[in-house]
Structure formats: structure tokens, C-alpha cells
Amino acid sequence: MRMGEARALTWDHVDLERREIRIARAFSGTELTTPKSGHGRTVDMSLVLRDVLRRLQAQLAEACG
């Protein structure tokens, strides 16, 4: 995943159960665009990343809840 793609992620792009992240857009400078390839793609996430994201999601829910 490219840095601009990572910056454009939102939680609805993340599937923790399937361990997948959908890359649908990217930041190029300050402009939100399509990814460099011109179309979206799905990337796998590691078990470690899934666990970190689950903890982060729980912390955010607690802080906002």
C-alpha cells in the first residue's frame, strides 16, 4: 500500500474478519484521487495488523462512546 492510499483509508475500507483492506482512493498532495493504478484493489492484512486495528477501534469507541 502506498502512503497516499493509506492516508485516504476509512474504517469502511477495513474488513477485520476477512483481514482485507480495500484500496479505493488515494491522496496526491492534498487532492483525493483514485489510486495510482487507476482502479481499486484489495490487499491482505497480517494477523498482527488486524489485532492492532481491533484494539484501536475499541479504544476509539470507548473514547467516543
PDB file of N, CA and C in Angstrom:
ATOM      1  N   MET A   1       0.841  -1.161   0.000  1.00  0.00           N
ATOM      2  CA  MET A   1       0.000   0.000   0.000  1.00  0.00           C
ATOM      3  C   MET A   1       0.896   1.237   0.000  1.00  0.00           C
ATOM      4  N   ARG A   2       0.563   2.164  -0.849  1.00  0.00           N
ATOM      5  CA  ARG A   2       1.312   3.411  -0.926  1.00  0.00           C
ATOM      6  C   ARG A   2       0.869   4.369   0.191  1.00  0.00           C
ATOM      7  N   MET A   3       1.731   5.298   0.547  1.00  0.00           N
ATOM      8  CA  MET A   3       1.438   6.226   1.636  1.00  0.00           C
ATOM      9  C   MET A   3       0.169   7.028   1.379  1.00  0.00           C
ATOM     10  N   GLY A   4      -0.003   7.527   0.168  1.00  0.00           N
ATOM     11  CA  GLY A   4      -1.204   8.293  -0.156  1.00  0.00           C
ATOM     12  C   GLY A   4      -2.469   7.460  -0.047  1.00  0.00           C
ATOM     13  N   GLU A   5      -2.374   6.176  -0.363  1.00  0.00           N
ATOM     14  CA  GLU A   5      -3.520   5.264  -0.225  1.00  0.00           C
ATOM     15  C   GLU A   5      -3.843   5.039   1.247  1.00  0.00           C
ATOM     16  N   ALA A   6      -2.806   4.873   2.053  1.00  0.00           N
ATOM     17  CA  ALA A   6      -3.010   4.665   3.489  1.00  0.00           C
ATOM     18  C   ALA A   6      -3.660   5.887   4.131  1.00  0.00           C
ATOM     19  N   ARG A   7      -3.238   7.071   3.715  1.00  0.00           N
ATOM     20  CA  ARG A   7      -3.811   8.312   4.261  1.00  0.00           C
ATOM     21  C   ARG A   7      -5.290   8.460   3.925  1.00  0.00           C
ATOM     22  N   ALA A   8      -5.743   7.860   2.840  1.00  0.00           N
ATOM     23  CA  ALA A   8      -7.131   8.008   2.397  1.00  0.00           C
ATOM     24  C   ALA A   8      -8.065   6.941   2.977  1.00  0.00           C
ATOM     25  N   LEU A   9      -7.535   6.021   3.773  1.00  0.00           N
ATOM     26  CA  LEU A   9      -8.364   4.940   4.312  1.00  0.00           C
ATOM     27  C   LEU A   9      -9.360   5.444   5.343  1.00  0.00           C
ATOM     28  N   THR A  10     -10.521   4.795   5.362  1.00  0.00           N
ATOM     29  CA  THR A  10     -11.502   4.979   6.426  1.00  0.00           C
ATOM     30  C   THR A  10     -11.892   3.598   6.922  1.00  0.00           C
ATOM     31  N   TRP A  11     -12.567   3.547   8.062  1.00  0.00           N
ATOM     32  CA  TRP A  11     -12.905   2.250   8.646  1.00  0.00           C
ATOM     33  C   TRP A  11     -13.771   1.391   7.722  1.00  0.00           C
ATOM     34  N   ASP A  12     -14.566   1.997   6.862  1.00  0.00           N
ATOM     35  CA  ASP A  12     -15.412   1.193   5.976  1.00  0.00           C
ATOM     36  C   ASP A  12     -14.598   0.489   4.890  1.00  0.00           C
ATOM     37  N   HIS A  13     -13.323   0.816   4.759  1.00  0.00           N
ATOM     38  CA  HIS A  13     -12.445   0.115   3.818  1.00  0.00           C
ATOM     39  C   HIS A  13     -11.776  -1.106   4.449  1.00  0.00           C
ATOM     40  N   VAL A  14     -11.954  -1.266   5.760  1.00  0.00           N
ATOM     41  CA  VAL A  14     -11.245  -2.308   6.507  1.00  0.00           C
ATOM     42  C   VAL A  14     -12.221  -3.428   6.891  1.00  0.00           C
ATOM     43  N   ASP A  15     -11.882  -4.657   6.522  1.00  0.00           N
ATOM     44  CA  ASP A  15     -12.664  -5.834   6.913  1.00  0.00           C
ATOM     45  C   ASP A  15     -11.792  -6.683   7.833  1.00  0.00           C
ATOM     46  N   LEU A  16     -12.008  -6.530   9.139  1.00  0.00           N
ATOM     47  CA  LEU A  16     -11.174  -7.227  10.111  1.00  0.00           C
ATOM     48  C   LEU A  16     -11.419  -8.738  10.108  1.00  0.00           C
ATOM     49  N   GLU A  17     -12.628  -9.165   9.831  1.00  0.00           N
ATOM     50  CA  GLU A  17     -12.926 -10.596   9.808  1.00  0.00           C
ATOM     51  C   GLU A  17     -12.222 -11.304   8.651  1.00  0.00           C
ATOM     52  N   ARG A  18     -12.240 -10.697   7.494  1.00  0.00           N
ATOM     53  CA  ARG A  18     -11.580 -11.290   6.315  1.00  0.00           C
ATOM     54  C   ARG A  18     -10.097 -10.927   6.225  1.00  0.00           C
ATOM     55  N   ARG A  19      -9.676  -9.985   7.088  1.00  0.00           N
ATOM     56  CA  ARG A  19      -8.296  -9.482   7.079  1.00  0.00           C
ATOM     57  C   ARG A  19      -7.945  -8.896   5.715  1.00  0.00           C
ATOM     58  N   GLU A  20      -8.817  -7.975   5.262  1.00  0.00           N
ATOM     59  CA  GLU A  20      -8.629  -7.326   3.967  1.00  0.00           C
ATOM     60  C   GLU A  20      -8.825  -5.817   4.101  1.00  0.00           C
ATOM     61  N   ILE A  21      -8.116  -5.082   3.255  1.00  0.00           N
ATOM     62  CA  ILE A  21      -8.278  -3.644   3.164  1.00  0.00           C
ATOM     63  C   ILE A  21      -8.551  -3.307   1.704  1.00  0.00           C
ATOM     64  N   ARG A  22      -9.609  -2.565   1.464  1.00  0.00           N
ATOM     65  CA  ARG A  22      -9.973  -2.154   0.113  1.00  0.00           C
ATOM     66  C   ARG A  22      -9.345  -0.799  -0.177  1.00  0.00           C
ATOM     67  N   ILE A  23      -8.505  -0.760  -1.192  1.00  0.00           N
ATOM     68  CA  ILE A  23      -7.866   0.477  -1.622  1.00  0.00           C
ATOM     69  C   ILE A  23      -8.734   1.055  -2.739  1.00  0.00           C
ATOM     70  N   ALA A  24      -9.423   2.166  -2.450  1.00  0.00           N
ATOM     71  CA  ALA A  24     -10.349   2.731  -3.419  1.00  0.00           C
ATOM     72  C   ALA A  24      -9.999   4.163  -3.809  1.00  0.00           C
ATOM     73  N   ARG A  25      -9.133   4.805  -3.007  1.00  0.00           N
ATOM     74  CA  ARG A  25      -8.772   6.189  -3.294  1.00  0.00           C
ATOM     75  C   ARG A  25      -7.413   6.476  -2.666  1.00  0.00           C
ATOM     76  N   ALA A  26      -6.862   7.617  -3.005  1.00  0.00           N
ATOM     77  CA  ALA A  26      -5.539   7.999  -2.514  1.00  0.00           C
ATOM     78  C   ALA A  26      -5.433   9.513  -2.452  1.00  0.00           C
ATOM     79  N   PHE A  27      -4.556   9.986  -1.589  1.00  0.00           N
ATOM     80  CA  PHE A  27      -4.220  11.401  -1.569  1.00  0.00           C
ATOM     81  C   PHE A  27      -2.989  11.614  -2.423  1.00  0.00           C
ATOM     82  N   SER A  28      -3.065  12.606  -3.282  1.00  0.00           N
ATOM     83  CA  SER A  28      -1.913  13.054  -4.050  1.00  0.00           C
ATOM     84  C   SER A  28      -1.715  14.510  -3.668  1.00  0.00           C
ATOM     85  N   GLY A  29      -0.765  14.755  -2.776  1.00  0.00           N
ATOM     86  CA  GLY A  29      -0.650  16.086  -2.181  1.00  0.00           C
ATOM     87  C   GLY A  29      -1.839  16.297  -1.261  1.00  0.00           C
ATOM     88  N   THR A  30      -2.683  17.256  -1.595  1.00  0.00           N
ATOM     89  CA  THR A  30      -3.899  17.485  -0.800  1.00  0.00           C
ATOM     90  C   THR A  30      -5.159  17.051  -1.539  1.00  0.00           C
ATOM     91  N   GLU A  31      -4.989  16.528  -2.733  1.00  0.00           N
ATOM     92  CA  GLU A  31      -6.128  16.141  -3.571  1.00  0.00           C
ATOM     93  C   GLU A  31      -6.446  14.657  -3.402  1.00  0.00           C
ATOM     94  N   LEU A  32      -7.729  14.344  -3.188  1.00  0.00           N
ATOM     95  CA  LEU A  32      -8.191  12.963  -3.089  1.00  0.00           C
ATOM     96  C   LEU A  32      -8.490  12.450  -4.497  1.00  0.00           C
ATOM     97  N   THR A  33      -7.820  11.379  -4.887  1.00  0.00           N
ATOM     98  CA  THR A  33      -7.937  10.859  -6.254  1.00  0.00           C
ATOM     99  C   THR A  33      -8.124   9.345  -6.222  1.00  0.00           C
ATOM    100  N   THR A  34      -8.169   8.741  -7.398  1.00  0.00           N
ATOM    101  CA  THR A  34      -8.141   7.288  -7.488  1.00  0.00           C
ATOM    102  C   THR A  34      -6.704   6.822  -7.276  1.00  0.00           C
ATOM    103  N   PRO A  35      -6.512   5.545  -6.931  1.00  0.00           N
ATOM    104  CA  PRO A  35      -5.148   5.048  -6.755  1.00  0.00           C
ATOM    105  C   PRO A  35      -4.321   5.195  -8.033  1.00  0.00           C
ATOM    106  N   LYS A  36      -3.012   5.096  -7.873  1.00  0.00           N
ATOM    107  CA  LYS A  36      -2.082   5.275  -8.983  1.00  0.00           C
ATOM    108  C   LYS A  36      -2.411   4.359 -10.161  1.00  0.00           C
ATOM    109  N   SER A  37      -2.888   3.147  -9.861  1.00  0.00           N
ATOM    110  CA  SER A  37      -3.217   2.186 -10.916  1.00  0.00           C
ATOM    111  C   SER A  37      -4.465   2.591 -11.697  1.00  0.00           C
ATOM    112  N   GLY A  38      -5.237   3.539 -11.137  1.00  0.00           N
ATOM    113  CA  GLY A  38      -6.450   3.982 -11.817  1.00  0.00           C
ATOM    114  C   GLY A  38      -7.700   3.254 -11.376  1.00  0.00           C
ATOM    115  N   HIS A  39      -7.538   2.187 -10.613  1.00  0.00           N
ATOM    116  CA  HIS A  39      -8.694   1.450 -10.094  1.00  0.00           C
ATOM    117  C   HIS A  39      -8.346   0.871  -8.729  1.00  0.00           C
ATOM    118  N   GLY A  40      -9.363   0.513  -7.972  1.00  0.00           N
ATOM    119  CA  GLY A  40      -9.160  -0.010  -6.633  1.00  0.00           C
ATOM    120  C   GLY A  40      -8.660  -1.440  -6.639  1.00  0.00           C
ATOM    121  N   ARG A  41      -8.232  -1.861  -5.460  1.00  0.00           N
ATOM    122  CA  ARG A  41      -7.796  -3.240  -5.284  1.00  0.00           C
ATOM    123  C   ARG A  41      -7.940  -3.596  -3.812  1.00  0.00           C
ATOM    124  N   THR A  42      -7.851  -4.872  -3.520  1.00  0.00           N
ATOM    125  CA  THR A  42      -7.929  -5.358  -2.153  1.00  0.00           C
ATOM    126  C   THR A  42      -6.581  -5.942  -1.756  1.00  0.00           C
ATOM    127  N   VAL A  43      -6.118  -5.583  -0.555  1.00  0.00           N
ATOM    128  CA  VAL A  43      -4.866  -6.119  -0.044  1.00  0.00           C
ATOM    129  C   VAL A  43      -5.125  -6.879   1.252  1.00  0.00           C
ATOM    130  N   ASP A  44      -4.324  -7.889   1.484  1.00  0.00           N
ATOM    131  CA  ASP A  44      -4.423  -8.678   2.716  1.00  0.00           C
ATOM    132  C   ASP A  44      -3.732  -7.945   3.855  1.00  0.00           C
ATOM    133  N   MET A  45      -4.218  -8.194   5.074  1.00  0.00           N
ATOM    134  CA  MET A  45      -3.537  -7.646   6.239  1.00  0.00           C
ATOM    135  C   MET A  45      -3.048  -8.798   7.109  1.00  0.00           C
ATOM    136  N   SER A  46      -1.978  -8.558   7.812  1.00  0.00           N
ATOM    137  CA  SER A  46      -1.414  -9.576   8.686  1.00  0.00           C
ATOM    138  C   SER A  46      -2.282  -9.746   9.937  1.00  0.00           C
ATOM    139  N   LEU A  47      -2.065 -10.842  10.641  1.00  0.00           N
ATOM    140  CA  LEU A  47      -2.763 -11.065  11.906  1.00  0.00           C
ATOM    141  C   LEU A  47      -2.392  -9.988  12.922  1.00  0.00           C
ATOM    142  N   VAL A  48      -1.136  -9.592  12.921  1.00  0.00           N
ATOM    143  CA  VAL A  48      -0.673  -8.560  13.848  1.00  0.00           C
ATOM    144  C   VAL A  48      -1.392  -7.236  13.579  1.00  0.00           C
ATOM    145  N   LEU A  49      -1.476  -6.836  12.310  1.00  0.00           N
ATOM    146  CA  LEU A  49      -2.169  -5.592  11.972  1.00  0.00           C
ATOM    147  C   LEU A  49      -3.641  -5.683  12.344  1.00  0.00           C
ATOM    148  N   ARG A  50      -4.279  -6.807  12.080  1.00  0.00           N
ATOM    149  CA  ARG A  50      -5.685  -6.969  12.452  1.00  0.00           C
ATOM    150  C   ARG A  50      -5.877  -6.758  13.952  1.00  0.00           C
ATOM    151  N   ASP A  51      -4.997  -7.348  14.751  1.00  0.00           N
ATOM    152  CA  ASP A  51      -5.113  -7.219  16.203  1.00  0.00           C
ATOM    153  C   ASP A  51      -4.903  -5.774  16.655  1.00  0.00           C
ATOM    154  N   VAL A  52      -3.947  -5.083  16.055  1.00  0.00           N
ATOM    155  CA  VAL A  52      -3.697  -3.682  16.387  1.00  0.00           C
ATOM    156  C   VAL A  52      -4.914  -2.834  16.019  1.00  0.00           C
ATOM    157  N   LEU A  53      -5.474  -3.061  14.837  1.00  0.00           N
ATOM    158  CA  LEU A  53      -6.641  -2.287  14.404  1.00  0.00           C
ATOM    159  C   LEU A  53      -7.861  -2.569  15.276  1.00  0.00           C
ATOM    160  N   ARG A  54      -8.027  -3.802  15.720  1.00  0.00           N
ATOM    161  CA  ARG A  54      -9.140  -4.121  16.631  1.00  0.00           C
ATOM    162  C   ARG A  54      -9.003  -3.349  17.939  1.00  0.00           C
ATOM    163  N   ARG A  55      -7.784  -3.319  18.480  1.00  0.00           N
ATOM    164  CA  ARG A  55      -7.565  -2.572  19.726  1.00  0.00           C
ATOM    165  C   ARG A  55      -7.812  -1.081  19.519  1.00  0.00           C
ATOM    166  N   LEU A  56      -7.336  -0.542  18.402  1.00  0.00           N
ATOM    167  CA  LEU A  56      -7.546   0.868  18.100  1.00  0.00           C
ATOM    168  C   LEU A  56      -9.031   1.182  17.960  1.00  0.00           C
ATOM    169  N   GLN A  57      -9.752   0.331  17.264  1.00  0.00           N
ATOM    170  CA  GLN A  57     -11.186   0.524  17.063  1.00  0.00           C
ATOM    171  C   GLN A  57     -11.916   0.519  18.418  1.00  0.00           C
ATOM    172  N   ALA A  58     -11.533  -0.387  19.312  1.00  0.00           N
ATOM    173  CA  ALA A  58     -12.143  -0.459  20.648  1.00  0.00           C
ATOM    174  C   ALA A  58     -11.834   0.799  21.458  1.00  0.00           C
ATOM    175  N   GLN A  59     -10.585   1.272  21.373  1.00  0.00           N
ATOM    176  CA  GLN A  59     -10.197   2.490  22.094  1.00  0.00           C
ATOM    177  C   GLN A  59     -10.969   3.706  21.573  1.00  0.00           C
ATOM    178  N   LEU A  60     -11.131   3.785  20.262  1.00  0.00           N
ATOM    179  CA  LEU A  60     -11.887   4.909  19.691  1.00  0.00           C
ATOM    180  C   LEU A  60     -13.344   4.856  20.095  1.00  0.00           C
ATOM    181  N   ALA A  61     -13.924   3.665  20.109  1.00  0.00           N
ATOM    182  CA  ALA A  61     -15.329   3.514  20.515  1.00  0.00           C
ATOM    183  C   ALA A  61     -15.506   3.918  21.966  1.00  0.00           C
ATOM    184  N   GLU A  62     -14.553   3.547  22.805  1.00  0.00           N
ATOM    185  CA  GLU A  62     -14.625   3.902  24.232  1.00  0.00           C
ATOM    186  C   GLU A  62     -14.482   5.404  24.415  1.00  0.00           C
ATOM    187  N   ALA A  63     -13.578   6.029  23.683  1.00  0.00           N
ATOM    188  CA  ALA A  63     -13.360   7.476  23.813  1.00  0.00           C
ATOM    189  C   ALA A  63     -14.550   8.279  23.308  1.00  0.00           C
ATOM    190  N   CYS A  64     -15.228   7.760  22.280  1.00  0.00           N
ATOM    191  CA  CYS A  64     -16.358   8.493  21.688  1.00  0.00           C
ATOM    192  C   CYS A  64     -17.694   8.103  22.295  1.00  0.00           C
ATOM    193  N   GLY A  65     -17.717   6.980  22.993  1.00  0.00           N
ATOM    194  CA  GLY A  65     -18.968   6.410  23.470  1.00  0.00           C
ATOM    195  C   GLY A  65     -19.444   6.928  24.741  1.00  0.00           C
TER     196      GLY A  65
END
